[in-house]
Amino acid sequence: MWVTTNGSNTMTSAKSSKRNRRLSAILALPLDYREVIVLRHYAGLSYEEIGEALHVPAKTVKSRLHTARQRLGELLLGWRV
């Protein structure tokens, strides 16, 4: 574990490790699933905005997000569906 000298930016190796695992899991997803995860959870777009960006219906976005989240759960938490 390390802490910066001014104390304002505390970061642990555990946090860094979790972030790296999460990033690796996202990168392991097929592109269709990776896109919706990034646009929803990192860019903060709505289902409709994602659909417009990807030229698919919002219903398809929701379906892809559901599947992507399941796959991330399998990769990160050992879920079995």
Protein backbone atom coordinates (compact mmCIF):
# COMPACT_ATOMS: atom_id res chain seq x y z
CA MET A 1 0.00 0.00 0.00
CA TRP A 2 1.23 3.52 -0.73
CA VAL A 3 0.06 7.05 0.11
CA THR A 4 1.10 10.31 -1.52
CA THR A 5 3.01 12.76 0.62
CA ASN A 6 0.25 15.36 0.77
CA GLY A 7 -2.32 12.78 1.87
CA SER A 8 -4.96 14.01 -0.56
CA ASN A 9 -4.59 11.15 -3.00
CA THR A 10 -4.59 7.90 -1.09
CA MET A 11 -4.44 4.80 -3.23
CA THR A 12 -3.96 1.25 -2.18
CA SER A 13 -2.59 -1.56 -4.24
CA ALA A 14 -5.87 -3.39 -3.56
CA LYS A 15 -7.84 -0.63 -5.29
CA SER A 16 -5.41 -0.65 -8.17
CA SER A 17 -5.68 -4.42 -8.43
CA LYS A 18 -9.50 -4.29 -8.47
CA ARG A 19 -9.42 -1.61 -11.16
CA ASN A 20 -7.02 -3.68 -13.26
CA ARG A 21 -9.18 -6.82 -12.90
CA ARG A 22 -12.29 -4.86 -13.85
CA LEU A 23 -10.56 -3.34 -16.88
CA SER A 24 -9.23 -6.74 -17.98
CA ALA A 25 -12.72 -8.25 -17.68
CA ILE A 26 -14.27 -5.44 -19.72
CA LEU A 27 -11.60 -5.82 -22.40
CA ALA A 28 -12.30 -9.56 -22.53
CA LEU A 29 -15.91 -8.94 -23.54
CA PRO A 30 -16.92 -9.07 -27.21
CA LEU A 31 -17.07 -5.59 -28.77
CA ASP A 32 -20.90 -5.36 -28.78
CA TYR A 33 -20.98 -5.88 -25.01
CA ARG A 34 -17.91 -3.82 -24.25
CA GLU A 35 -19.37 -0.81 -26.10
CA VAL A 36 -22.59 -0.71 -24.11
CA ILE A 37 -20.79 -1.15 -20.76
CA VAL A 38 -18.41 1.72 -21.51
CA LEU A 39 -21.09 4.03 -22.88
CA ARG A 40 -23.48 3.36 -20.00
CA HIS A 41 -21.19 3.14 -16.99
CA TYR A 42 -18.25 5.33 -18.00
CA ALA A 43 -19.83 7.87 -20.38
CA GLY A 44 -23.15 7.95 -18.51
CA LEU A 45 -25.33 7.77 -21.62
CA SER A 46 -28.98 6.75 -21.47
CA TYR A 47 -30.26 3.64 -23.26
CA GLU A 48 -31.69 5.84 -25.99
CA GLU A 49 -28.43 7.78 -26.43
CA ILE A 50 -26.45 4.54 -26.66
CA GLY A 51 -28.91 3.20 -29.20
CA GLU A 52 -28.52 6.31 -31.32
CA ALA A 53 -24.72 6.14 -31.11
CA LEU A 54 -24.65 2.46 -32.09
CA HIS A 55 -27.60 2.61 -34.51
CA VAL A 56 -29.60 -0.03 -32.62
CA PRO A 57 -32.92 0.12 -30.72
CA ALA A 58 -32.87 0.91 -26.98
CA LYS A 59 -34.28 -2.60 -26.40
CA THR A 60 -31.13 -4.07 -27.99
CA VAL A 61 -28.99 -1.87 -25.74
CA LYS A 62 -30.80 -3.20 -22.67
CA SER A 63 -30.38 -6.79 -23.83
CA ARG A 64 -26.67 -6.32 -24.52
CA LEU A 65 -26.17 -4.63 -21.16
CA HIS A 66 -27.89 -7.49 -19.38
CA THR A 67 -25.68 -10.06 -21.10
CA ALA A 68 -22.54 -7.98 -20.62
CA ARG A 69 -23.22 -7.61 -16.89
CA GLN A 70 -23.79 -11.36 -16.58
CA ARG A 71 -20.50 -12.08 -18.32
CA LEU A 72 -18.68 -9.57 -16.11
CA GLY A 73 -20.20 -11.28 -13.08
CA GLU A 74 -18.92 -14.62 -14.33
CA LEU A 75 -15.44 -13.22 -14.94
CA LEU A 76 -15.11 -11.16 -11.77
CA LEU A 77 -17.27 -12.96 -9.23
CA GLY A 78 -17.44 -16.50 -10.49
CA TRP A 79 -21.19 -16.32 -11.15
CA ARG A 80 -22.71 -19.20 -13.08
CA VAL A 81 -25.96 -18.62 -14.90
